[in-house]
Every structure is written in C-alpha cells, then in structure tokens.
Amino acid sequence: GAVTVLLFTPHAAQKVTVDSLTGMK
C-alpha cells in the first residue's frame, strides 16, 4: 500500500511544467 501510494501519488496542480532541461538552461 505504501509503495502504491508512492508510485501513484497525484502530481501537484501543474502551474509549472518542464519543457526542456539542457545543461545550465
């Protein structure tokens, strides 16, 4: 049950999402 909660925890209301992450940008 604890592992299931871990794997399927709802993500935060995504006001911010990652588009790309390359190096320092």
PDB file of all heavy atoms in Angstrom:
ATOM      1  N   GLY A   1       0.818  -1.211   0.000  1.00  0.00           N
ATOM      2  CA  GLY A   1       0.000   0.000   0.000  1.00  0.00           C
ATOM      3  C   GLY A   1       0.844   1.250   0.000  1.00  0.00           C
ATOM      4  O   GLY A   1       0.562   2.214  -0.738  1.00  0.00           O
ATOM      5  N   ALA A   2       1.907   1.259   0.816  1.00  0.00           N
ATOM      6  CA  ALA A   2       2.775   2.434   0.861  1.00  0.00           C
ATOM      7  C   ALA A   2       3.476   2.653  -0.481  1.00  0.00           C
ATOM      8  O   ALA A   2       3.600   3.785  -0.950  1.00  0.00           O
ATOM      9  CB  ALA A   2       3.805   2.266   1.980  1.00  0.00           C
ATOM     10  N   VAL A   3       3.927   1.561  -1.112  1.00  0.00           N
ATOM     11  CA  VAL A   3       4.593   1.680  -2.412  1.00  0.00           C
ATOM     12  C   VAL A   3       3.604   2.171  -3.471  1.00  0.00           C
ATOM     13  O   VAL A   3       3.945   2.987  -4.337  1.00  0.00           O
ATOM     14  CB  VAL A   3       5.212   0.337  -2.813  1.00  0.00           C
ATOM     15  CG1 VAL A   3       5.750   0.402  -4.241  1.00  0.00           C
ATOM     16  CG2 VAL A   3       6.334  -0.043  -1.855  1.00  0.00           C
ATOM     17  N   THR A   4       2.364   1.671  -3.413  1.00  0.00           N
ATOM     18  CA  THR A   4       1.345   2.120  -4.365  1.00  0.00           C
ATOM     19  C   THR A   4       1.069   3.607  -4.216  1.00  0.00           C
ATOM     20  O   THR A   4       0.949   4.342  -5.209  1.00  0.00           O
ATOM     21  CB  THR A   4       0.039   1.328  -4.164  1.00  0.00           C
ATOM     22  OG1 THR A   4       0.313  -0.073  -4.322  1.00  0.00           O
ATOM     23  CG2 THR A   4      -1.023   1.752  -5.172  1.00  0.00           C
ATOM     24  N   VAL A   5       0.976   4.056  -2.966  1.00  0.00           N
ATOM     25  CA  VAL A   5       0.790   5.488  -2.717  1.00  0.00           C
ATOM     26  C   VAL A   5       1.961   6.270  -3.295  1.00  0.00           C
ATOM     27  O   VAL A   5       1.780   7.346  -3.880  1.00  0.00           O
ATOM     28  CB  VAL A   5       0.651   5.750  -1.200  1.00  0.00           C
ATOM     29  CG1 VAL A   5       0.732   7.240  -0.896  1.00  0.00           C
ATOM     30  CG2 VAL A   5      -0.673   5.197  -0.694  1.00  0.00           C
ATOM     31  N   LEU A   6       3.175   5.707  -3.137  1.00  0.00           N
ATOM     32  CA  LEU A   6       4.363   6.378  -3.658  1.00  0.00           C
ATOM     33  C   LEU A   6       4.322   6.491  -5.175  1.00  0.00           C
ATOM     34  O   LEU A   6       4.547   7.562  -5.749  1.00  0.00           O
ATOM     35  CB  LEU A   6       5.616   5.612  -3.218  1.00  0.00           C
ATOM     36  CG  LEU A   6       6.932   5.966  -3.905  1.00  0.00           C
ATOM     37  CD1 LEU A   6       7.330   7.390  -3.577  1.00  0.00           C
ATOM     38  CD2 LEU A   6       8.028   4.995  -3.489  1.00  0.00           C
ATOM     39  N   LEU A   7       4.007   5.384  -5.845  1.00  0.00           N
ATOM     40  CA  LEU A   7       4.075   5.362  -7.310  1.00  0.00           C
ATOM     41  C   LEU A   7       2.928   6.124  -7.967  1.00  0.00           C
ATOM     42  O   LEU A   7       3.098   6.677  -9.057  1.00  0.00           O
ATOM     43  CB  LEU A   7       4.084   3.912  -7.803  1.00  0.00           C
ATOM     44  CG  LEU A   7       5.308   3.076  -7.413  1.00  0.00           C
ATOM     45  CD1 LEU A   7       5.145   1.656  -7.917  1.00  0.00           C
ATOM     46  CD2 LEU A   7       6.582   3.693  -7.949  1.00  0.00           C
ATOM     47  N   PHE A   8       1.763   6.156  -7.307  1.00  0.00           N
ATOM     48  CA  PHE A   8       0.597   6.767  -7.936  1.00  0.00           C
ATOM     49  C   PHE A   8       0.129   8.027  -7.211  1.00  0.00           C
ATOM     50  O   PHE A   8      -1.031   8.399  -7.306  1.00  0.00           O
ATOM     51  CB  PHE A   8      -0.552   5.748  -8.006  1.00  0.00           C
ATOM     52  CG  PHE A   8      -0.255   4.582  -8.913  1.00  0.00           C
ATOM     53  CD1 PHE A   8       0.321   3.421  -8.410  1.00  0.00           C
ATOM     54  CD2 PHE A   8      -0.525   4.669 -10.267  1.00  0.00           C
ATOM     55  CE1 PHE A   8       0.596   2.342  -9.236  1.00  0.00           C
ATOM     56  CE2 PHE A   8      -0.250   3.599 -11.107  1.00  0.00           C
ATOM     57  CZ  PHE A   8       0.315   2.424 -10.590  1.00  0.00           C
ATOM     58  N   THR A   9       1.051   8.658  -6.473  1.00  0.00           N
ATOM     59  CA  THR A   9       0.717   9.917  -5.817  1.00  0.00           C
ATOM     60  C   THR A   9       0.362  10.958  -6.867  1.00  0.00           C
ATOM     61  O   THR A   9       1.094  11.128  -7.846  1.00  0.00           O
ATOM     62  CB  THR A   9       1.915  10.411  -4.981  1.00  0.00           C
ATOM     63  OG1 THR A   9       2.149   9.480  -3.927  1.00  0.00           O
ATOM     64  CG2 THR A   9       1.619  11.775  -4.380  1.00  0.00           C
ATOM     65  N   PRO A  10      -0.745  11.657  -6.687  1.00  0.00           N
ATOM     66  CA  PRO A  10      -1.108  12.701  -7.656  1.00  0.00           C
ATOM     67  C   PRO A  10      -0.038  13.779  -7.721  1.00  0.00           C
ATOM     68  O   PRO A  10       0.529  14.167  -6.702  1.00  0.00           O
ATOM     69  CB  PRO A  10      -2.424  13.263  -7.099  1.00  0.00           C
ATOM     70  CG  PRO A  10      -2.934  12.212  -6.179  1.00  0.00           C
ATOM     71  CD  PRO A  10      -1.728  11.522  -5.617  1.00  0.00           C
ATOM     72  N   HIS A  11       0.251  14.231  -8.901  1.00  0.00           N
ATOM     73  CA  HIS A  11       1.200  15.322  -9.065  1.00  0.00           C
ATOM     74  C   HIS A  11       0.537  16.627  -8.659  1.00  0.00           C
ATOM     75  O   HIS A  11      -0.675  16.778  -8.702  1.00  0.00           O
ATOM     76  CB  HIS A  11       1.690  15.408 -10.513  1.00  0.00           C
ATOM     77  CG  HIS A  11       2.471  14.204 -10.946  1.00  0.00           C
ATOM     78  ND1 HIS A  11       3.728  13.921 -10.460  1.00  0.00           N
ATOM     79  CD2 HIS A  11       2.159  13.195 -11.795  1.00  0.00           C
ATOM     80  CE1 HIS A  11       4.171  12.802 -11.009  1.00  0.00           C
ATOM     81  NE2 HIS A  11       3.237  12.339 -11.822  1.00  0.00           N
ATOM     82  N   ALA A  12       1.367  17.548  -8.250  1.00  0.00           N
ATOM     83  CA  ALA A  12       0.835  18.856  -7.877  1.00  0.00           C
ATOM     84  C   ALA A  12       0.120  19.472  -9.061  1.00  0.00           C
ATOM     85  O   ALA A  12       0.424  19.198 -10.212  1.00  0.00           O
ATOM     86  CB  ALA A  12       1.979  19.770  -7.418  1.00  0.00           C
ATOM     87  N   ALA A  13      -0.866  20.314  -8.746  1.00  0.00           N
ATOM     88  CA  ALA A  13      -1.578  21.026  -9.800  1.00  0.00           C
ATOM     89  C   ALA A  13      -0.541  21.768 -10.633  1.00  0.00           C
ATOM     90  O   ALA A  13       0.115  22.683 -10.151  1.00  0.00           O
ATOM     91  CB  ALA A  13      -2.575  21.996  -9.196  1.00  0.00           C
ATOM     92  N   GLN A  14      -0.361  21.332 -11.853  1.00  0.00           N
ATOM     93  CA  GLN A  14       0.789  21.763 -12.630  1.00  0.00           C
ATOM     94  C   GLN A  14       0.616  23.161 -13.187  1.00  0.00           C
ATOM     95  O   GLN A  14       0.225  23.358 -14.330  1.00  0.00           O
ATOM     96  CB  GLN A  14       1.059  20.763 -13.764  1.00  0.00           C
ATOM     97  CG  GLN A  14       1.550  19.404 -13.310  1.00  0.00           C
ATOM     98  CD  GLN A  14       2.913  19.485 -12.647  1.00  0.00           C
ATOM     99  OE1 GLN A  14       3.724  20.329 -12.994  1.00  0.00           O
ATOM    100  NE2 GLN A  14       3.166  18.608 -11.704  1.00  0.00           N
ATOM    101  N   LYS A  15       0.917  24.152 -12.341  1.00  0.00           N
ATOM    102  CA  LYS A  15       1.011  25.519 -12.835  1.00  0.00           C
ATOM    103  C   LYS A  15       2.333  25.703 -13.581  1.00  0.00           C
ATOM    104  O   LYS A  15       2.479  26.607 -14.374  1.00  0.00           O
ATOM    105  CB  LYS A  15       0.928  26.508 -11.667  1.00  0.00           C
ATOM    106  CG  LYS A  15      -0.401  26.476 -10.923  1.00  0.00           C
ATOM    107  CD  LYS A  15      -0.405  27.473  -9.782  1.00  0.00           C
ATOM    108  CE  LYS A  15      -1.724  27.429  -9.030  1.00  0.00           C
ATOM    109  NZ  LYS A  15      -1.749  28.359  -7.880  1.00  0.00           N
ATOM    110  N   VAL A  16       3.302  24.831 -13.263  1.00  0.00           N
ATOM    111  CA  VAL A  16       4.617  24.911 -13.891  1.00  0.00           C
ATOM    112  C   VAL A  16       5.000  23.524 -14.395  1.00  0.00           C
ATOM    113  O   VAL A  16       4.898  22.552 -13.668  1.00  0.00           O
ATOM    114  CB  VAL A  16       5.683  25.421 -12.898  1.00  0.00           C
ATOM    115  CG1 VAL A  16       7.042  25.487 -13.581  1.00  0.00           C
ATOM    116  CG2 VAL A  16       5.288  26.768 -12.345  1.00  0.00           C
ATOM    117  N   THR A  17       5.391  23.431 -15.634  1.00  0.00           N
ATOM    118  CA  THR A  17       5.857  22.156 -16.187  1.00  0.00           C
ATOM    119  C   THR A  17       7.178  22.375 -16.903  1.00  0.00           C
ATOM    120  O   THR A  17       7.452  23.443 -17.439  1.00  0.00           O
ATOM    121  CB  THR A  17       4.839  21.586 -17.189  1.00  0.00           C
ATOM    122  OG1 THR A  17       4.622  22.544 -18.220  1.00  0.00           O
ATOM    123  CG2 THR A  17       3.522  21.268 -16.508  1.00  0.00           C
ATOM    124  N   VAL A  18       8.003  21.347 -16.923  1.00  0.00           N
ATOM    125  CA  VAL A  18       9.308  21.447 -17.583  1.00  0.00           C
ATOM    126  C   VAL A  18       9.140  21.202 -19.071  1.00  0.00           C
ATOM    127  O   VAL A  18       8.561  20.202 -19.481  1.00  0.00           O
ATOM    128  CB  VAL A  18      10.290  20.416 -16.993  1.00  0.00           C
ATOM    129  CG1 VAL A  18      11.625  20.486 -17.733  1.00  0.00           C
ATOM    130  CG2 VAL A  18      10.497  20.699 -15.513  1.00  0.00           C
ATOM    131  N   ASP A  19       9.650  22.117 -19.870  1.00  0.00           N
ATOM    132  CA  ASP A  19       9.636  21.931 -21.320  1.00  0.00           C
ATOM    133  C   ASP A  19      10.932  21.281 -21.774  1.00  0.00           C
ATOM    134  O   ASP A  19      10.936  20.344 -22.550  1.00  0.00           O
ATOM    135  CB  ASP A  19       9.433  23.270 -22.015  1.00  0.00           C
ATOM    136  CG  ASP A  19       9.489  23.143 -23.526  1.00  0.00           C
ATOM    137  OD1 ASP A  19       8.723  22.328 -24.059  1.00  0.00           O
ATOM    138  OD2 ASP A  19      10.291  23.839 -24.147  1.00  0.00           O
ATOM    139  N   SER A  20      12.023  21.771 -21.249  1.00  0.00           N
ATOM    140  CA  SER A  20      13.309  21.168 -21.596  1.00  0.00           C
ATOM    141  C   SER A  20      14.330  21.533 -20.539  1.00  0.00           C
ATOM    142  O   SER A  20      14.236  22.569 -19.903  1.00  0.00           O
ATOM    143  CB  SER A  20      13.794  21.653 -22.974  1.00  0.00           C
ATOM    144  OG  SER A  20      14.040  23.054 -22.927  1.00  0.00           O
ATOM    145  N   LEU A  21      15.288  20.649 -20.363  1.00  0.00           N
ATOM    146  CA  LEU A  21      16.378  20.893 -19.416  1.00  0.00           C
ATOM    147  C   LEU A  21      17.656  20.426 -20.075  1.00  0.00           C
ATOM    148  O   LEU A  21      17.882  19.246 -20.257  1.00  0.00           O
ATOM    149  CB  LEU A  21      16.148  20.135 -18.111  1.00  0.00           C
ATOM    150  CG  LEU A  21      17.284  20.204 -17.074  1.00  0.00           C
ATOM    151  CD1 LEU A  21      17.516  21.642 -16.634  1.00  0.00           C
ATOM    152  CD2 LEU A  21      16.974  19.330 -15.888  1.00  0.00           C
ATOM    153  N   THR A  22      18.486  21.361 -20.495  1.00  0.00           N
ATOM    154  CA  THR A  22      19.742  21.018 -21.150  1.00  0.00           C
ATOM    155  C   THR A  22      20.856  21.823 -20.510  1.00  0.00           C
ATOM    156  O   THR A  22      20.885  23.045 -20.585  1.00  0.00           O
ATOM    157  CB  THR A  22      19.680  21.339 -22.653  1.00  0.00           C
ATOM    158  OG1 THR A  22      19.346  22.726 -22.808  1.00  0.00           O
ATOM    159  CG2 THR A  22      18.647  20.485 -23.353  1.00  0.00           C
ATOM    160  N   GLY A  23      21.760  21.096 -19.864  1.00  0.00           N
ATOM    161  CA  GLY A  23      22.903  21.768 -19.268  1.00  0.00           C
ATOM    162  C   GLY A  23      22.487  22.758 -18.194  1.00  0.00           C
ATOM    163  O   GLY A  23      21.901  22.403 -17.184  1.00  0.00           O
ATOM    164  N   MET A  24      22.758  24.020 -18.428  1.00  0.00           N
ATOM    165  CA  MET A  24      22.521  25.050 -17.436  1.00  0.00           C
ATOM    166  C   MET A  24      21.304  25.904 -17.784  1.00  0.00           C
ATOM    167  O   MET A  24      21.084  26.947 -17.202  1.00  0.00           O
ATOM    168  CB  MET A  24      23.759  25.960 -17.312  1.00  0.00           C
ATOM    169  CG  MET A  24      24.163  26.622 -18.616  1.00  0.00           C
ATOM    170  SD  MET A  24      25.754  27.487 -18.487  1.00  0.00           S
ATOM    171  CE  MET A  24      25.944  28.089 -20.169  1.00  0.00           C
ATOM    172  N   LYS A  25      20.493  25.472 -18.739  1.00  0.00           N
ATOM    173  CA  LYS A  25      19.348  26.257 -19.178  1.00  0.00           C
ATOM    174  C   LYS A  25      18.062  25.484 -18.932  1.00  0.00           C
ATOM    175  O   LYS A  25      17.940  24.324 -19.320  1.00  0.00           O
ATOM    176  CB  LYS A  25      19.478  26.594 -20.667  1.00  0.00           C
ATOM    177  CG  LYS A  25      18.318  27.420 -21.212  1.00  0.00           C
ATOM    178  CD  LYS A  25      18.541  27.737 -22.687  1.00  0.00           C
ATOM    179  CE  LYS A  25      17.380  28.524 -23.266  1.00  0.00           C
ATOM    180  NZ  LYS A  25      17.581  28.825 -24.705  1.00  0.00           N
TER     181      LYS A  25
END
